[in-house]
Amino acid sequence: MQELMPGGPDIDPVAILVMINLNGREVELNRTEKMITAAFILAAGGLQADVVTRLRISKAEASRMHARIREATGLDRIPA
């Protein structure tokens, strides 16, 4: 387990990689790990549907995660 920031939640990078690769194994992820996994999937060109499938979450939750990632990275402010 690693800590991204002092006092922040612990993350397990191996668990995140397992879920990104979707190699048939599933592991439990905490909220932060799910967000990081979703960000990697989307950054690699994956769709929200891929996030739903890999993280076993609802479409609404995947949509909220996508919006939070776009806001946090400033992608929602890039002109068309």
N, C-alpha and C. Protein backbone atom coordinates (compact mmCIF):
# COMPACT_ATOMS: atom_id res chain seq x y z
N MET A 1 0.83 -1.17 0.00
CA MET A 1 0.00 0.00 0.00
C MET A 1 0.88 1.24 0.00
N GLN A 2 0.44 2.25 -0.71
CA GLN A 2 1.16 3.50 -0.78
C GLN A 2 0.22 4.65 -0.47
N GLU A 3 0.79 5.75 -0.06
CA GLU A 3 0.04 6.95 0.25
C GLU A 3 0.37 8.00 -0.80
N LEU A 4 -0.64 8.53 -1.50
CA LEU A 4 -0.40 9.55 -2.51
C LEU A 4 0.04 10.86 -1.88
N MET A 5 -0.63 11.23 -0.81
CA MET A 5 -0.32 12.47 -0.09
C MET A 5 -0.32 12.16 1.39
N PRO A 6 0.47 12.89 2.17
CA PRO A 6 0.47 12.65 3.62
C PRO A 6 -0.94 12.78 4.20
N GLY A 7 -1.35 11.77 4.92
CA GLY A 7 -2.68 11.76 5.51
C GLY A 7 -3.77 11.33 4.56
N GLY A 8 -3.42 11.08 3.30
CA GLY A 8 -4.41 10.65 2.31
C GLY A 8 -4.67 9.17 2.39
N PRO A 9 -5.61 8.69 1.61
CA PRO A 9 -5.93 7.26 1.62
C PRO A 9 -4.80 6.44 1.02
N ASP A 10 -4.66 5.22 1.53
CA ASP A 10 -3.69 4.29 0.97
C ASP A 10 -4.22 3.77 -0.36
N ILE A 11 -3.31 3.56 -1.30
CA ILE A 11 -3.69 2.94 -2.57
C ILE A 11 -2.80 1.74 -2.82
N ASP A 12 -3.35 0.79 -3.54
CA ASP A 12 -2.62 -0.42 -3.91
C ASP A 12 -2.43 -0.39 -5.43
N PRO A 13 -1.22 -0.02 -5.89
CA PRO A 13 -1.00 0.09 -7.34
C PRO A 13 -1.19 -1.24 -8.07
N VAL A 14 -0.90 -2.35 -7.42
CA VAL A 14 -1.06 -3.65 -8.07
C VAL A 14 -2.55 -3.93 -8.30
N ALA A 15 -3.38 -3.60 -7.32
CA ALA A 15 -4.83 -3.79 -7.48
C ALA A 15 -5.36 -2.94 -8.63
N ILE A 16 -4.86 -1.73 -8.75
CA ILE A 16 -5.28 -0.85 -9.84
C ILE A 16 -4.88 -1.46 -11.18
N LEU A 17 -3.67 -1.96 -11.28
CA LEU A 17 -3.22 -2.59 -12.54
C LEU A 17 -4.02 -3.83 -12.88
N VAL A 18 -4.38 -4.61 -11.88
CA VAL A 18 -5.20 -5.80 -12.12
C VAL A 18 -6.53 -5.41 -12.74
N MET A 19 -7.16 -4.37 -12.20
CA MET A 19 -8.46 -3.95 -12.71
C MET A 19 -8.35 -3.26 -14.07
N ILE A 20 -7.26 -2.57 -14.33
CA ILE A 20 -7.07 -1.95 -15.65
C ILE A 20 -6.94 -3.03 -16.72
N ASN A 21 -6.19 -4.07 -16.41
CA ASN A 21 -5.92 -5.12 -17.39
C ASN A 21 -7.09 -6.07 -17.58
N LEU A 22 -7.99 -6.15 -16.61
CA LEU A 22 -9.16 -7.02 -16.70
C LEU A 22 -8.78 -8.41 -17.21
N ASN A 23 -7.88 -9.04 -16.48
CA ASN A 23 -7.39 -10.35 -16.89
C ASN A 23 -8.15 -11.49 -16.24
N GLY A 24 -9.39 -11.25 -15.89
CA GLY A 24 -10.21 -12.29 -15.28
C GLY A 24 -10.19 -12.27 -13.77
N ARG A 25 -9.20 -11.62 -13.20
CA ARG A 25 -9.15 -11.51 -11.74
C ARG A 25 -9.82 -10.21 -11.33
N GLU A 26 -10.43 -10.25 -10.19
CA GLU A 26 -11.07 -9.05 -9.67
C GLU A 26 -10.58 -8.82 -8.25
N VAL A 27 -10.37 -7.58 -7.91
CA VAL A 27 -9.96 -7.21 -6.56
C VAL A 27 -10.86 -6.07 -6.08
N GLU A 28 -10.96 -5.93 -4.79
CA GLU A 28 -11.73 -4.82 -4.22
C GLU A 28 -10.89 -3.57 -4.24
N LEU A 29 -11.48 -2.48 -4.69
CA LEU A 29 -10.80 -1.20 -4.72
C LEU A 29 -11.51 -0.22 -3.80
N ASN A 30 -10.73 0.65 -3.16
CA ASN A 30 -11.36 1.72 -2.39
C ASN A 30 -11.76 2.83 -3.36
N ARG A 31 -12.37 3.87 -2.84
CA ARG A 31 -12.89 4.95 -3.69
C ARG A 31 -11.78 5.62 -4.51
N THR A 32 -10.65 5.88 -3.87
CA THR A 32 -9.53 6.53 -4.57
C THR A 32 -8.98 5.63 -5.66
N GLU A 33 -8.84 4.36 -5.36
CA GLU A 33 -8.33 3.40 -6.36
C GLU A 33 -9.27 3.30 -7.55
N LYS A 34 -10.58 3.35 -7.29
CA LYS A 34 -11.54 3.31 -8.40
C LYS A 34 -11.39 4.54 -9.29
N MET A 35 -11.20 5.69 -8.67
CA MET A 35 -11.06 6.93 -9.45
C MET A 35 -9.80 6.88 -10.30
N ILE A 36 -8.70 6.40 -9.73
CA ILE A 36 -7.44 6.29 -10.48
C ILE A 36 -7.59 5.30 -11.62
N THR A 37 -8.23 4.16 -11.34
CA THR A 37 -8.44 3.15 -12.37
C THR A 37 -9.29 3.72 -13.51
N ALA A 38 -10.37 4.40 -13.16
CA ALA A 38 -11.23 5.01 -14.19
C ALA A 38 -10.45 6.02 -15.02
N ALA A 39 -9.61 6.81 -14.37
CA ALA A 39 -8.81 7.81 -15.09
C ALA A 39 -7.87 7.14 -16.09
N PHE A 40 -7.23 6.06 -15.69
CA PHE A 40 -6.34 5.33 -16.60
C PHE A 40 -7.11 4.74 -17.77
N ILE A 41 -8.26 4.14 -17.49
CA ILE A 41 -9.07 3.54 -18.56
C ILE A 41 -9.49 4.61 -19.57
N LEU A 42 -9.98 5.73 -19.07
CA LEU A 42 -10.43 6.81 -19.96
C LEU A 42 -9.27 7.44 -20.71
N ALA A 43 -8.13 7.61 -20.03
CA ALA A 43 -6.96 8.21 -20.68
C ALA A 43 -6.42 7.33 -21.81
N ALA A 44 -6.63 6.03 -21.69
CA ALA A 44 -6.17 5.10 -22.71
C ALA A 44 -7.15 4.97 -23.87
N GLY A 45 -8.22 5.77 -23.84
CA GLY A 45 -9.19 5.73 -24.92
C GLY A 45 -10.40 4.89 -24.62
N GLY A 46 -10.48 4.38 -23.40
CA GLY A 46 -11.64 3.59 -23.02
C GLY A 46 -12.87 4.46 -22.89
N LEU A 47 -14.01 3.83 -22.87
CA LEU A 47 -15.28 4.52 -22.77
C LEU A 47 -15.84 4.39 -21.36
N GLN A 48 -16.84 5.18 -21.07
CA GLN A 48 -17.49 5.04 -19.77
C GLN A 48 -18.05 3.63 -19.60
N ALA A 49 -18.47 3.01 -20.68
CA ALA A 49 -18.97 1.63 -20.63
C ALA A 49 -17.88 0.67 -20.15
N ASP A 50 -16.64 0.94 -20.54
CA ASP A 50 -15.53 0.12 -20.07
C ASP A 50 -15.31 0.28 -18.57
N VAL A 51 -15.48 1.50 -18.09
CA VAL A 51 -15.36 1.77 -16.66
C VAL A 51 -16.44 1.02 -15.90
N VAL A 52 -17.67 1.05 -16.43
CA VAL A 52 -18.79 0.33 -15.81
C VAL A 52 -18.47 -1.15 -15.71
N THR A 53 -17.99 -1.73 -16.79
CA THR A 53 -17.70 -3.17 -16.83
C THR A 53 -16.56 -3.54 -15.90
N ARG A 54 -15.48 -2.83 -15.97
CA ARG A 54 -14.29 -3.20 -15.20
C ARG A 54 -14.43 -2.94 -13.71
N LEU A 55 -15.11 -1.85 -13.36
CA LEU A 55 -15.23 -1.51 -11.94
C LEU A 55 -16.53 -2.00 -11.32
N ARG A 56 -17.40 -2.59 -12.14
CA ARG A 56 -18.69 -3.09 -11.66
C ARG A 56 -19.45 -2.00 -10.93
N ILE A 57 -19.62 -0.85 -11.61
CA ILE A 57 -20.36 0.27 -11.05
C ILE A 57 -21.48 0.64 -12.00
N SER A 58 -22.38 1.49 -11.54
CA SER A 58 -23.51 1.90 -12.39
C SER A 58 -23.06 2.91 -13.45
N LYS A 59 -23.88 3.05 -14.47
CA LYS A 59 -23.61 4.05 -15.50
C LYS A 59 -23.58 5.45 -14.92
N ALA A 60 -24.48 5.71 -13.97
CA ALA A 60 -24.53 7.03 -13.34
C ALA A 60 -23.25 7.31 -12.56
N GLU A 61 -22.75 6.31 -11.84
CA GLU A 61 -21.51 6.51 -11.09
C GLU A 61 -20.33 6.73 -12.04
N ALA A 62 -20.28 5.98 -13.13
CA ALA A 62 -19.21 6.15 -14.11
C ALA A 62 -19.27 7.55 -14.73
N SER A 63 -20.46 8.04 -14.97
CA SER A 63 -20.62 9.38 -15.53
C SER A 63 -20.14 10.44 -14.54
N ARG A 64 -20.47 10.26 -13.27
CA ARG A 64 -19.99 11.21 -12.24
C ARG A 64 -18.48 11.18 -12.13
N MET A 65 -17.90 9.98 -12.17
CA MET A 65 -16.44 9.85 -12.11
C MET A 65 -15.80 10.55 -13.30
N HIS A 66 -16.36 10.35 -14.48
CA HIS A 66 -15.84 10.97 -15.70
C HIS A 66 -15.87 12.49 -15.57
N ALA A 67 -16.97 13.00 -15.07
CA ALA A 67 -17.09 14.45 -14.89
C ALA A 67 -16.07 14.97 -13.87
N ARG A 68 -15.87 14.25 -12.79
CA ARG A 68 -14.90 14.67 -11.77
C ARG A 68 -13.48 14.64 -12.32
N ILE A 69 -13.17 13.64 -13.13
CA ILE A 69 -11.84 13.54 -13.73
C ILE A 69 -11.62 14.69 -14.70
N ARG A 70 -12.62 14.97 -15.54
CA ARG A 70 -12.50 16.09 -16.49
C ARG A 70 -12.32 17.41 -15.76
N GLU A 71 -13.06 17.60 -14.69
CA GLU A 71 -12.95 18.84 -13.92
C GLU A 71 -11.58 18.95 -13.25
N ALA A 72 -11.12 17.86 -12.66
CA ALA A 72 -9.85 17.87 -11.94
C ALA A 72 -8.66 18.09 -12.87
N THR A 73 -8.77 17.63 -14.10
CA THR A 73 -7.67 17.75 -15.05
C THR A 73 -7.79 18.98 -15.93
N GLY A 74 -8.90 19.69 -15.82
CA GLY A 74 -9.10 20.88 -16.63
C GLY A 74 -9.58 20.57 -18.04
N LEU A 75 -9.94 19.34 -18.33
CA LEU A 75 -10.39 18.99 -19.67
C LEU A 75 -11.74 19.60 -20.01
N ASP A 76 -12.48 19.97 -18.97
CA ASP A 76 -13.78 20.58 -19.26
C ASP A 76 -13.65 22.05 -19.65
N ARG A 77 -12.42 22.60 -19.58
CA ARG A 77 -12.22 24.00 -19.93
C ARG A 77 -11.47 24.17 -21.26
N ILE A 78 -11.18 23.10 -21.94
CA ILE A 78 -10.47 23.18 -23.22
C ILE A 78 -11.45 23.62 -24.31
N PRO A 79 -11.16 24.70 -25.05
CA PRO A 79 -12.08 25.15 -26.10
C PRO A 79 -12.17 24.12 -27.22
N ALA A 80 -13.34 24.06 -27.81
CA ALA A 80 -13.57 23.09 -28.90
C ALA A 80 -12.89 23.50 -30.16
